[in-house]
Amino acid sequence: MTRRPKRAYHHGDLQRALADAAIELLAEVGPSFTLRQAAERVGVTHAAAYRHFDSRDALLAEVSRRGFVALGERLARSARGAAPPRERLERLLVAYLRFAWKHRAHYELMFGPRLNEGGRFVELERAIRASTRVLEEALGELLDSTDPVQCRDAGLAVWSFAHGYAVNVLARRIHVRSLRTAESYLVHLVRPLLDGLADGADAS
């Protein structure tokens, strides 16, 4: 691994600097890096890093939380506007794929093995919930429903489709020439699912 120059950071902002370093390490070596390596990259001792993160998992949870916040913001921006619900959902799913494509290492951490099985990282769970709420709200408009269970289940179905597609694109199991091609093909594939959800809602 190439050693980078130690970076300067403002006093009191070591937590952010460590998370930034972790994102770099994540892209370089995956989630196997140590808290000590993140501390070295920032230019502080392991003890100083430990005052902010008591374990590598705690640092990974913060990196994951930041990823879900960023993803949620992108999804929310994509869903804004006066377009019909189906079109907004398509834009939302394209934004999801774009995030996975451009931030692959971060995305794979966020949707890899669950970091918070015991519920220790409360802020991470809040960020996850906020990002999924954007999808559920958009589906609520498509389904013309405020039933939280119906919207949750529809959200899970659509997210499972989008996630599976993104993972297969990243792994080159679905071969595409460019991000633009991947986005167009995603929209093409998801339309029958969205049509089915809308038709089912109309029939109920």
C-alpha atoms as a PDB file:
ATOM      1  CA  MET A   1       0.000   0.000   0.000  1.00  0.00           C
ATOM      2  CA  THR A   2       1.367   3.423  -0.929  1.00  0.00           C
ATOM      3  CA  ARG A   3       1.914   5.646   2.079  1.00  0.00           C
ATOM      4  CA  ARG A   4       0.329   9.062   1.593  1.00  0.00           C
ATOM      5  CA  PRO A   5       1.535  12.283   3.167  1.00  0.00           C
ATOM      6  CA  LYS A   6       0.072  13.054   6.545  1.00  0.00           C
ATOM      7  CA  ARG A   7      -2.726  15.558   6.205  1.00  0.00           C
ATOM      8  CA  ALA A   8      -3.414  18.588   8.337  1.00  0.00           C
ATOM      9  CA  TYR A   9      -6.767  18.911  10.044  1.00  0.00           C
ATOM     10  CA  HIS A  10      -8.425  21.556  12.148  1.00  0.00           C
ATOM     11  CA  HIS A  11      -8.377  21.087  15.886  1.00  0.00           C
ATOM     12  CA  GLY A  12     -11.538  19.318  16.995  1.00  0.00           C
ATOM     13  CA  ASP A  13     -12.164  17.774  13.586  1.00  0.00           C
ATOM     14  CA  LEU A  14     -10.148  14.591  14.022  1.00  0.00           C
ATOM     15  CA  GLN A  15     -13.252  12.418  13.796  1.00  0.00           C
ATOM     16  CA  ARG A  16     -14.012  13.704  10.301  1.00  0.00           C
ATOM     17  CA  ALA A  17     -10.373  13.421   9.244  1.00  0.00           C
ATOM     18  CA  LEU A  18     -10.258   9.789  10.364  1.00  0.00           C
ATOM     19  CA  ALA A  19     -13.460   9.023   8.444  1.00  0.00           C
ATOM     20  CA  ASP A  20     -12.001  10.694   5.335  1.00  0.00           C
ATOM     21  CA  ALA A  21      -8.861   8.585   5.698  1.00  0.00           C
ATOM     22  CA  ALA A  22     -10.972   5.472   6.126  1.00  0.00           C
ATOM     23  CA  ILE A  23     -12.823   6.187   2.874  1.00  0.00           C
ATOM     24  CA  GLU A  24      -9.477   6.422   1.065  1.00  0.00           C
ATOM     25  CA  LEU A  25      -8.254   3.175   2.625  1.00  0.00           C
ATOM     26  CA  LEU A  26     -11.534   1.488   1.814  1.00  0.00           C
ATOM     27  CA  ALA A  27     -11.025   2.253  -1.877  1.00  0.00           C
ATOM     28  CA  GLU A  28      -7.400   1.085  -1.755  1.00  0.00           C
ATOM     29  CA  VAL A  29      -7.478  -2.086   0.347  1.00  0.00           C
ATOM     30  CA  GLY A  30     -11.121  -2.744   1.221  1.00  0.00           C
ATOM     31  CA  PRO A  31     -12.544  -2.945   4.758  1.00  0.00           C
ATOM     32  CA  SER A  32      -9.561  -4.917   6.109  1.00  0.00           C
ATOM     33  CA  PHE A  33      -7.598  -1.805   7.094  1.00  0.00           C
ATOM     34  CA  THR A  34      -6.949  -1.100  10.768  1.00  0.00           C
ATOM     35  CA  LEU A  35      -7.737   1.836  12.987  1.00  0.00           C
ATOM     36  CA  ARG A  36      -3.998   2.294  13.371  1.00  0.00           C
ATOM     37  CA  GLN A  37      -3.584   2.683   9.609  1.00  0.00           C
ATOM     38  CA  ALA A  38      -6.277   5.357   9.522  1.00  0.00           C
ATOM     39  CA  ALA A  39      -4.545   7.167  12.396  1.00  0.00           C
ATOM     40  CA  GLU A  40      -1.190   7.005  10.613  1.00  0.00           C
ATOM     41  CA  ARG A  41      -2.686   8.456   7.470  1.00  0.00           C
ATOM     42  CA  VAL A  42      -4.040  11.435   9.406  1.00  0.00           C
ATOM     43  CA  GLY A  43      -0.796  11.801  11.351  1.00  0.00           C
ATOM     44  CA  VAL A  44      -1.970  11.020  14.885  1.00  0.00           C
ATOM     45  CA  THR A  45      -1.350   8.206  17.308  1.00  0.00           C
ATOM     46  CA  HIS A  46      -3.543   5.154  17.613  1.00  0.00           C
ATOM     47  CA  ALA A  47      -4.460   6.368  21.117  1.00  0.00           C
ATOM     48  CA  ALA A  48      -5.711   9.685  19.706  1.00  0.00           C
ATOM     49  CA  ALA A  49      -7.867   7.864  17.147  1.00  0.00           C
ATOM     50  CA  TYR A  50      -9.185   5.548  19.832  1.00  0.00           C
ATOM     51  CA  ARG A  51     -10.655   8.508  21.708  1.00  0.00           C
ATOM     52  CA  HIS A  52     -13.075   8.981  18.782  1.00  0.00           C
ATOM     53  CA  PHE A  53     -13.530   5.382  17.627  1.00  0.00           C
ATOM     54  CA  ASP A  54     -13.097   2.519  20.039  1.00  0.00           C
ATOM     55  CA  SER A  55     -12.758  -0.041  17.242  1.00  0.00           C
ATOM     56  CA  ARG A  56     -12.408  -0.427  13.508  1.00  0.00           C
ATOM     57  CA  ASP A  57     -16.105  -1.358  13.369  1.00  0.00           C
ATOM     58  CA  ALA A  58     -17.004   1.962  14.973  1.00  0.00           C
ATOM     59  CA  LEU A  59     -14.999   3.787  12.295  1.00  0.00           C
ATOM     60  CA  LEU A  60     -16.583   1.685   9.539  1.00  0.00           C
ATOM     61  CA  ALA A  61     -20.022   2.435  10.974  1.00  0.00           C
ATOM     62  CA  GLU A  62     -19.305   6.173  10.744  1.00  0.00           C
ATOM     63  CA  VAL A  63     -18.086   5.799   7.156  1.00  0.00           C
ATOM     64  CA  SER A  64     -21.216   3.809   6.333  1.00  0.00           C
ATOM     65  CA  ARG A  65     -23.422   6.419   8.030  1.00  0.00           C
ATOM     66  CA  ARG A  66     -21.879   9.163   5.930  1.00  0.00           C
ATOM     67  CA  GLY A  67     -22.493   7.077   2.835  1.00  0.00           C
ATOM     68  CA  PHE A  68     -26.179   6.618   3.635  1.00  0.00           C
ATOM     69  CA  VAL A  69     -26.548  10.341   4.321  1.00  0.00           C
ATOM     70  CA  ALA A  70     -24.986  11.132   0.944  1.00  0.00           C
ATOM     71  CA  LEU A  71     -27.095   8.505  -0.801  1.00  0.00           C
ATOM     72  CA  GLY A  72     -30.275   9.783   0.849  1.00  0.00           C
ATOM     73  CA  GLU A  73     -29.512  13.333  -0.265  1.00  0.00           C
ATOM     74  CA  ARG A  74     -28.949  12.202  -3.844  1.00  0.00           C
ATOM     75  CA  LEU A  75     -32.160  10.190  -3.859  1.00  0.00           C
ATOM     76  CA  ALA A  76     -34.138  13.092  -2.437  1.00  0.00           C
ATOM     77  CA  ARG A  77     -32.784  15.493  -5.069  1.00  0.00           C
ATOM     78  CA  SER A  78     -33.597  13.065  -7.864  1.00  0.00           C
ATOM     79  CA  ALA A  79     -37.201  12.666  -6.673  1.00  0.00           C
ATOM     80  CA  ARG A  80     -37.952  16.408  -6.551  1.00  0.00           C
ATOM     81  CA  GLY A  81     -40.150  18.083  -9.101  1.00  0.00           C
ATOM     82  CA  ALA A  82     -43.621  17.839 -10.582  1.00  0.00           C
ATOM     83  CA  ALA A  83     -42.991  14.749 -12.733  1.00  0.00           C
ATOM     84  CA  PRO A  84     -45.409  11.795 -12.500  1.00  0.00           C
ATOM     85  CA  PRO A  85     -44.599   9.324  -9.698  1.00  0.00           C
ATOM     86  CA  ARG A  86     -43.359   6.638 -12.093  1.00  0.00           C
ATOM     87  CA  GLU A  87     -40.885   9.000 -13.736  1.00  0.00           C
ATOM     88  CA  ARG A  88     -39.632  10.183 -10.354  1.00  0.00           C
ATOM     89  CA  LEU A  89     -39.132   6.584  -9.263  1.00  0.00           C
ATOM     90  CA  GLU A  90     -37.117   5.892 -12.390  1.00  0.00           C
ATOM     91  CA  ARG A  91     -34.943   8.938 -11.667  1.00  0.00           C
ATOM     92  CA  LEU A  92     -34.555   7.805  -8.075  1.00  0.00           C
ATOM     93  CA  LEU A  93     -33.350   4.348  -9.123  1.00  0.00           C
ATOM     94  CA  VAL A  94     -30.951   5.863 -11.636  1.00  0.00           C
ATOM     95  CA  ALA A  95     -29.514   8.004  -8.830  1.00  0.00           C
ATOM     96  CA  TYR A  96     -29.070   4.863  -6.725  1.00  0.00           C
ATOM     97  CA  LEU A  97     -27.185   3.110  -9.524  1.00  0.00           C
ATOM     98  CA  ARG A  98     -25.062   6.197 -10.156  1.00  0.00           C
ATOM     99  CA  PHE A  99     -24.022   6.299  -6.505  1.00  0.00           C
ATOM    100  CA  ALA A 100     -23.013   2.616  -6.616  1.00  0.00           C
ATOM    101  CA  TRP A 101     -21.064   3.148  -9.842  1.00  0.00           C
ATOM    102  CA  LYS A 102     -19.175   6.247  -8.693  1.00  0.00           C
ATOM    103  CA  HIS A 103     -18.575   5.202  -5.072  1.00  0.00           C
ATOM    104  CA  ARG A 104     -18.134   1.467  -5.404  1.00  0.00           C
ATOM    105  CA  ALA A 105     -16.004   0.773  -2.332  1.00  0.00           C
ATOM    106  CA  HIS A 106     -18.238   2.921  -0.147  1.00  0.00           C
ATOM    107  CA  TYR A 107     -21.365   1.295  -1.578  1.00  0.00           C
ATOM    108  CA  GLU A 108     -20.039  -2.214  -1.012  1.00  0.00           C
ATOM    109  CA  LEU A 109     -19.310  -1.392   2.626  1.00  0.00           C
ATOM    110  CA  MET A 110     -22.786   0.095   3.134  1.00  0.00           C
ATOM    111  CA  PHE A 111     -24.543  -2.932   1.659  1.00  0.00           C
ATOM    112  CA  GLY A 112     -22.074  -5.584   2.738  1.00  0.00           C
ATOM    113  CA  PRO A 113     -22.179  -7.577   5.992  1.00  0.00           C
ATOM    114  CA  ARG A 114     -24.346  -5.752   8.518  1.00  0.00           C
ATOM    115  CA  LEU A 115     -22.268  -3.607  10.868  1.00  0.00           C
ATOM    116  CA  ASN A 116     -24.979  -2.977  13.429  1.00  0.00           C
ATOM    117  CA  GLU A 117     -26.451  -6.339  14.363  1.00  0.00           C
ATOM    118  CA  GLY A 118     -26.668  -5.375  18.034  1.00  0.00           C
ATOM    119  CA  GLY A 119     -28.110  -1.908  17.374  1.00  0.00           C
ATOM    120  CA  ARG A 120     -25.061  -0.201  18.854  1.00  0.00           C
ATOM    121  CA  PHE A 121     -24.655   2.444  16.128  1.00  0.00           C
ATOM    122  CA  VAL A 122     -27.893   4.378  16.432  1.00  0.00           C
ATOM    123  CA  GLU A 123     -26.959   7.170  14.014  1.00  0.00           C
ATOM    124  CA  LEU A 124     -26.158   4.639  11.321  1.00  0.00           C
ATOM    125  CA  GLU A 125     -29.628   3.127  11.626  1.00  0.00           C
ATOM    126  CA  ARG A 126     -31.200   6.582  11.415  1.00  0.00           C
ATOM    127  CA  ALA A 127     -29.293   7.336   8.226  1.00  0.00           C
ATOM    128  CA  ILE A 128     -30.328   4.014   6.685  1.00  0.00           C
ATOM    129  CA  ARG A 129     -33.954   4.630   7.570  1.00  0.00           C
ATOM    130  CA  ALA A 130     -33.891   8.165   6.172  1.00  0.00           C
ATOM    131  CA  SER A 131     -32.517   6.942   2.842  1.00  0.00           C
ATOM    132  CA  THR A 132     -35.125   4.184   2.489  1.00  0.00           C
ATOM    133  CA  ARG A 133     -37.935   6.575   3.407  1.00  0.00           C
ATOM    134  CA  VAL A 134     -37.354   8.525   0.182  1.00  0.00           C
ATOM    135  CA  LEU A 135     -38.119   5.417  -1.869  1.00  0.00           C
ATOM    136  CA  GLU A 136     -41.135   4.464   0.225  1.00  0.00           C
ATOM    137  CA  GLU A 137     -42.639   7.943  -0.082  1.00  0.00           C
ATOM    138  CA  ALA A 138     -42.256   7.901  -3.863  1.00  0.00           C
ATOM    139  CA  LEU A 139     -43.863   4.471  -4.027  1.00  0.00           C
ATOM    140  CA  GLY A 140     -46.693   5.689  -1.815  1.00  0.00           C
ATOM    141  CA  GLU A 141     -47.564   8.210  -4.515  1.00  0.00           C
ATOM    142  CA  LEU A 142     -47.387   5.569  -7.250  1.00  0.00           C
ATOM    143  CA  LEU A 143     -49.608   3.238  -5.228  1.00  0.00           C
ATOM    144  CA  ASP A 144     -51.807   6.100  -3.995  1.00  0.00           C
ATOM    145  CA  SER A 145     -51.389   4.631  -0.529  1.00  0.00           C
ATOM    146  CA  THR A 146     -50.381   5.783   2.929  1.00  0.00           C
ATOM    147  CA  ASP A 147     -50.313   2.248   4.316  1.00  0.00           C
ATOM    148  CA  PRO A 148     -46.798   1.972   5.802  1.00  0.00           C
ATOM    149  CA  VAL A 149     -46.677  -1.810   5.412  1.00  0.00           C
ATOM    150  CA  GLN A 150     -47.709  -1.679   1.747  1.00  0.00           C
ATOM    151  CA  CYS A 151     -45.179   1.059   1.009  1.00  0.00           C
ATOM    152  CA  ARG A 152     -42.454  -0.765   2.933  1.00  0.00           C
ATOM    153  CA  ASP A 153     -43.056  -4.023   1.082  1.00  0.00           C
ATOM    154  CA  ALA A 154     -43.160  -2.302  -2.300  1.00  0.00           C
ATOM    155  CA  GLY A 155     -39.984  -0.426  -1.376  1.00  0.00           C
ATOM    156  CA  LEU A 156     -38.257  -3.673  -0.477  1.00  0.00           C
ATOM    157  CA  ALA A 157     -39.256  -5.235  -3.799  1.00  0.00           C
ATOM    158  CA  VAL A 158     -38.028  -2.274  -5.850  1.00  0.00           C
ATOM    159  CA  TRP A 159     -34.834  -1.833  -3.825  1.00  0.00           C
ATOM    160  CA  SER A 160     -34.036  -5.554  -4.103  1.00  0.00           C
ATOM    161  CA  PHE A 161     -34.346  -5.252  -7.882  1.00  0.00           C
ATOM    162  CA  ALA A 162     -32.188  -2.109  -8.069  1.00  0.00           C
ATOM    163  CA  HIS A 163     -29.583  -3.490  -5.677  1.00  0.00           C
ATOM    164  CA  GLY A 164     -29.307  -6.785  -7.514  1.00  0.00           C
ATOM    165  CA  TYR A 165     -28.953  -4.950 -10.799  1.00  0.00           C
ATOM    166  CA  ALA A 166     -26.259  -2.621  -9.411  1.00  0.00           C
ATOM    167  CA  VAL A 167     -24.270  -5.501  -7.893  1.00  0.00           C
ATOM    168  CA  ASN A 168     -24.356  -7.440 -11.152  1.00  0.00           C
ATOM    169  CA  VAL A 169     -23.318  -4.408 -13.165  1.00  0.00           C
ATOM    170  CA  LEU A 170     -20.399  -3.713 -10.813  1.00  0.00           C
ATOM    171  CA  ALA A 171     -19.341  -7.361 -10.972  1.00  0.00           C
ATOM    172  CA  ARG A 172     -19.562  -7.298 -14.782  1.00  0.00           C
ATOM    173  CA  ARG A 173     -22.157 -10.063 -14.773  1.00  0.00           C
ATOM    174  CA  ILE A 174     -24.324  -7.599 -16.662  1.00  0.00           C
ATOM    175  CA  HIS A 175     -22.050  -6.107 -19.323  1.00  0.00           C
ATOM    176  CA  VAL A 176     -22.632  -2.477 -20.171  1.00  0.00           C
ATOM    177  CA  ARG A 177     -20.429  -0.076 -22.108  1.00  0.00           C
ATOM    178  CA  SER A 178     -20.953   2.931 -19.877  1.00  0.00           C
ATOM    179  CA  LEU A 179     -22.849   4.316 -16.923  1.00  0.00           C
ATOM    180  CA  ARG A 180     -25.335   5.912 -19.314  1.00  0.00           C
ATOM    181  CA  THR A 181     -26.024   2.529 -20.890  1.00  0.00           C
ATOM    182  CA  ALA A 182     -26.425   0.939 -17.462  1.00  0.00           C
ATOM    183  CA  GLU A 183     -28.914   3.633 -16.475  1.00  0.00           C
ATOM    184  CA  SER A 184     -31.004   3.212 -19.629  1.00  0.00           C
ATOM    185  CA  TYR A 185     -31.097  -0.553 -19.267  1.00  0.00           C
ATOM    186  CA  LEU A 186     -32.107  -0.246 -15.603  1.00  0.00           C
ATOM    187  CA  VAL A 187     -35.082   1.934 -16.540  1.00  0.00           C
ATOM    188  CA  HIS A 188     -36.042  -0.512 -19.295  1.00  0.00           C
ATOM    189  CA  LEU A 189     -35.953  -3.478 -16.912  1.00  0.00           C
ATOM    190  CA  VAL A 190     -37.735  -1.857 -13.975  1.00  0.00           C
ATOM    191  CA  ARG A 191     -40.739  -0.498 -15.883  1.00  0.00           C
ATOM    192  CA  PRO A 192     -42.695  -3.789 -15.844  1.00  0.00           C
ATOM    193  CA  LEU A 193     -42.203  -3.996 -12.073  1.00  0.00           C
ATOM    194  CA  LEU A 194     -43.448  -0.446 -11.542  1.00  0.00           C
ATOM    195  CA  ASP A 195     -46.343  -1.066 -13.929  1.00  0.00           C
ATOM    196  CA  GLY A 196     -47.281  -4.185 -11.972  1.00  0.00           C
ATOM    197  CA  LEU A 197     -47.215  -2.337  -8.673  1.00  0.00           C
ATOM    198  CA  ALA A 198     -49.376   0.477 -10.076  1.00  0.00           C
ATOM    199  CA  ASP A 199     -51.835  -1.932 -11.708  1.00  0.00           C
ATOM    200  CA  GLY A 200     -52.101  -3.942  -8.503  1.00  0.00           C
ATOM    201  CA  ALA A 201     -52.873  -0.790  -6.563  1.00  0.00           C
ATOM    202  CA  ASP A 202     -55.567   0.211  -9.099  1.00  0.00           C
ATOM    203  CA  ALA A 203     -57.190  -3.206  -8.860  1.00  0.00           C
ATOM    204  CA  SER A 204     -57.313  -3.268  -5.060  1.00  0.00           C
END
